[in-house]
Amino acid sequence: MEDKKDKIPVGYVWVPYTIKTVSTSINGETVWYANKWKNLLLKIKHFFIKPKYLKNAHIYKNKPVNPSLYREIKIDGDK
């Protein structure tokens, strides 16, 4: 009696797979859709009604950065 392992071909089948992003949001506000008509309507809406994350952008524009909170990171190829 022959072994079943010899009859069954074993290997990988490579299938093309692409990831499609339906929408993108920043701080809970949708800023981009994959559907071009929804995206166009969203751009028109943002022209008249500014999203919350854009309304507060001026607060962070000239805010100084405290260098004591950051440090240098050494990236070594051996580790």
C-alpha atoms as a PDB file:
ATOM      1  CA  MET A   1       0.000   0.000   0.000  1.00  0.00           C
ATOM      2  CA  GLU A   2       1.404   3.355  -1.042  1.00  0.00           C
ATOM      3  CA  ASP A   3       1.698   6.215   1.347  1.00  0.00           C
ATOM      4  CA  LYS A   4      -0.842   9.031   0.810  1.00  0.00           C
ATOM      5  CA  LYS A   5       1.853  11.617   1.489  1.00  0.00           C
ATOM      6  CA  ASP A   6       3.595  10.597  -1.722  1.00  0.00           C
ATOM      7  CA  LYS A   7       0.502  11.216  -3.835  1.00  0.00           C
ATOM      8  CA  ILE A   8      -0.535  14.611  -2.431  1.00  0.00           C
ATOM      9  CA  PRO A   9       1.589  17.496  -3.746  1.00  0.00           C
ATOM     10  CA  VAL A  10       2.611  19.851  -0.965  1.00  0.00           C
ATOM     11  CA  GLY A  11       3.659  23.436  -1.581  1.00  0.00           C
ATOM     12  CA  TYR A  12       2.641  27.046  -1.585  1.00  0.00           C
ATOM     13  CA  VAL A  13       0.307  28.784  -3.960  1.00  0.00           C
ATOM     14  CA  TRP A  14       1.080  32.484  -4.270  1.00  0.00           C
ATOM     15  CA  VAL A  15      -2.028  34.563  -4.878  1.00  0.00           C
ATOM     16  CA  PRO A  16      -1.858  38.293  -5.598  1.00  0.00           C
ATOM     17  CA  TYR A  17      -3.459  40.238  -2.787  1.00  0.00           C
ATOM     18  CA  THR A  18      -3.869  43.979  -2.562  1.00  0.00           C
ATOM     19  CA  ILE A  19      -5.112  45.903   0.433  1.00  0.00           C
ATOM     20  CA  LYS A  20      -7.714  48.530  -0.400  1.00  0.00           C
ATOM     21  CA  THR A  21      -8.359  51.303   2.074  1.00  0.00           C
ATOM     22  CA  VAL A  22     -12.013  52.316   2.028  1.00  0.00           C
ATOM     23  CA  SER A  23     -11.622  55.473   4.061  1.00  0.00           C
ATOM     24  CA  THR A  24      -9.032  57.333   6.122  1.00  0.00           C
ATOM     25  CA  SER A  25      -9.783  59.286   9.261  1.00  0.00           C
ATOM     26  CA  ILE A  26      -7.738  61.749  11.302  1.00  0.00           C
ATOM     27  CA  ASN A  27      -8.848  62.336  14.900  1.00  0.00           C
ATOM     28  CA  GLY A  28     -12.221  60.775  14.197  1.00  0.00           C
ATOM     29  CA  GLU A  29     -12.903  62.937  11.133  1.00  0.00           C
ATOM     30  CA  THR A  30     -13.054  61.181   7.755  1.00  0.00           C
ATOM     31  CA  VAL A  31     -10.711  62.922   5.322  1.00  0.00           C
ATOM     32  CA  TRP A  32     -10.574  60.538   2.349  1.00  0.00           C
ATOM     33  CA  TYR A  33     -12.788  57.947   0.663  1.00  0.00           C
ATOM     34  CA  ALA A  34     -11.841  55.369  -1.979  1.00  0.00           C
ATOM     35  CA  ASN A  35     -15.073  56.169  -3.845  1.00  0.00           C
ATOM     36  CA  LYS A  36     -14.309  59.175  -6.066  1.00  0.00           C
ATOM     37  CA  TRP A  37     -17.847  60.626  -5.807  1.00  0.00           C
ATOM     38  CA  LYS A  38     -17.894  60.410  -2.012  1.00  0.00           C
ATOM     39  CA  ASN A  39     -14.413  61.932  -1.996  1.00  0.00           C
ATOM     40  CA  LEU A  40     -15.573  64.828  -4.190  1.00  0.00           C
ATOM     41  CA  LEU A  41     -18.542  65.514  -1.902  1.00  0.00           C
ATOM     42  CA  LEU A  42     -16.263  65.356   1.123  1.00  0.00           C
ATOM     43  CA  LYS A  43     -13.905  67.927  -0.464  1.00  0.00           C
ATOM     44  CA  ILE A  44     -16.849  70.233  -1.169  1.00  0.00           C
ATOM     45  CA  LYS A  45     -18.043  69.821   2.427  1.00  0.00           C
ATOM     46  CA  HIS A  46     -14.554  70.601   3.785  1.00  0.00           C
ATOM     47  CA  PHE A  47     -14.404  73.733   1.622  1.00  0.00           C
ATOM     48  CA  PHE A  48     -17.391  75.206   3.491  1.00  0.00           C
ATOM     49  CA  ILE A  49     -17.148  73.440   6.866  1.00  0.00           C
ATOM     50  CA  LYS A  50     -13.642  73.067   8.267  1.00  0.00           C
ATOM     51  CA  PRO A  51     -12.961  69.885  10.252  1.00  0.00           C
ATOM     52  CA  LYS A  52     -12.162  70.138  13.952  1.00  0.00           C
ATOM     53  CA  TYR A  53      -8.531  69.058  13.479  1.00  0.00           C
ATOM     54  CA  LEU A  54      -7.983  71.973  11.039  1.00  0.00           C
ATOM     55  CA  LYS A  55      -9.667  74.519  13.311  1.00  0.00           C
ATOM     56  CA  ASN A  56      -7.155  73.803  16.101  1.00  0.00           C
ATOM     57  CA  ALA A  57      -4.085  73.684  13.827  1.00  0.00           C
ATOM     58  CA  HIS A  58      -3.078  77.282  14.613  1.00  0.00           C
ATOM     59  CA  ILE A  59      -2.618  76.370  18.301  1.00  0.00           C
ATOM     60  CA  TYR A  60       0.234  73.960  17.531  1.00  0.00           C
ATOM     61  CA  LYS A  61       1.903  75.993  14.788  1.00  0.00           C
ATOM     62  CA  ASN A  62       4.283  78.071  16.918  1.00  0.00           C
ATOM     63  CA  LYS A  63       4.404  75.873  20.016  1.00  0.00           C
ATOM     64  CA  PRO A  64       8.030  75.479  21.197  1.00  0.00           C
ATOM     65  CA  VAL A  65       9.500  71.984  21.486  1.00  0.00           C
ATOM     66  CA  ASN A  66      11.120  71.058  24.790  1.00  0.00           C
ATOM     67  CA  PRO A  67      14.406  69.291  23.868  1.00  0.00           C
ATOM     68  CA  SER A  68      14.830  67.815  27.363  1.00  0.00           C
ATOM     69  CA  LEU A  69      11.946  65.421  26.668  1.00  0.00           C
ATOM     70  CA  TYR A  70      13.793  63.839  23.732  1.00  0.00           C
ATOM     71  CA  ARG A  71      17.078  61.962  23.511  1.00  0.00           C
ATOM     72  CA  GLU A  72      19.365  60.591  20.831  1.00  0.00           C
ATOM     73  CA  ILE A  73      18.833  57.023  19.662  1.00  0.00           C
ATOM     74  CA  LYS A  74      21.779  55.135  18.228  1.00  0.00           C
ATOM     75  CA  ILE A  75      20.864  52.600  15.575  1.00  0.00           C
ATOM     76  CA  ASP A  76      23.505  49.912  15.354  1.00  0.00           C
ATOM     77  CA  GLY A  77      23.457  47.176  12.725  1.00  0.00           C
ATOM     78  CA  ASP A  78      24.976  44.614  15.110  1.00  0.00           C
ATOM     79  CA  LYS A  79      22.113  44.620  17.610  1.00  0.00           C
END
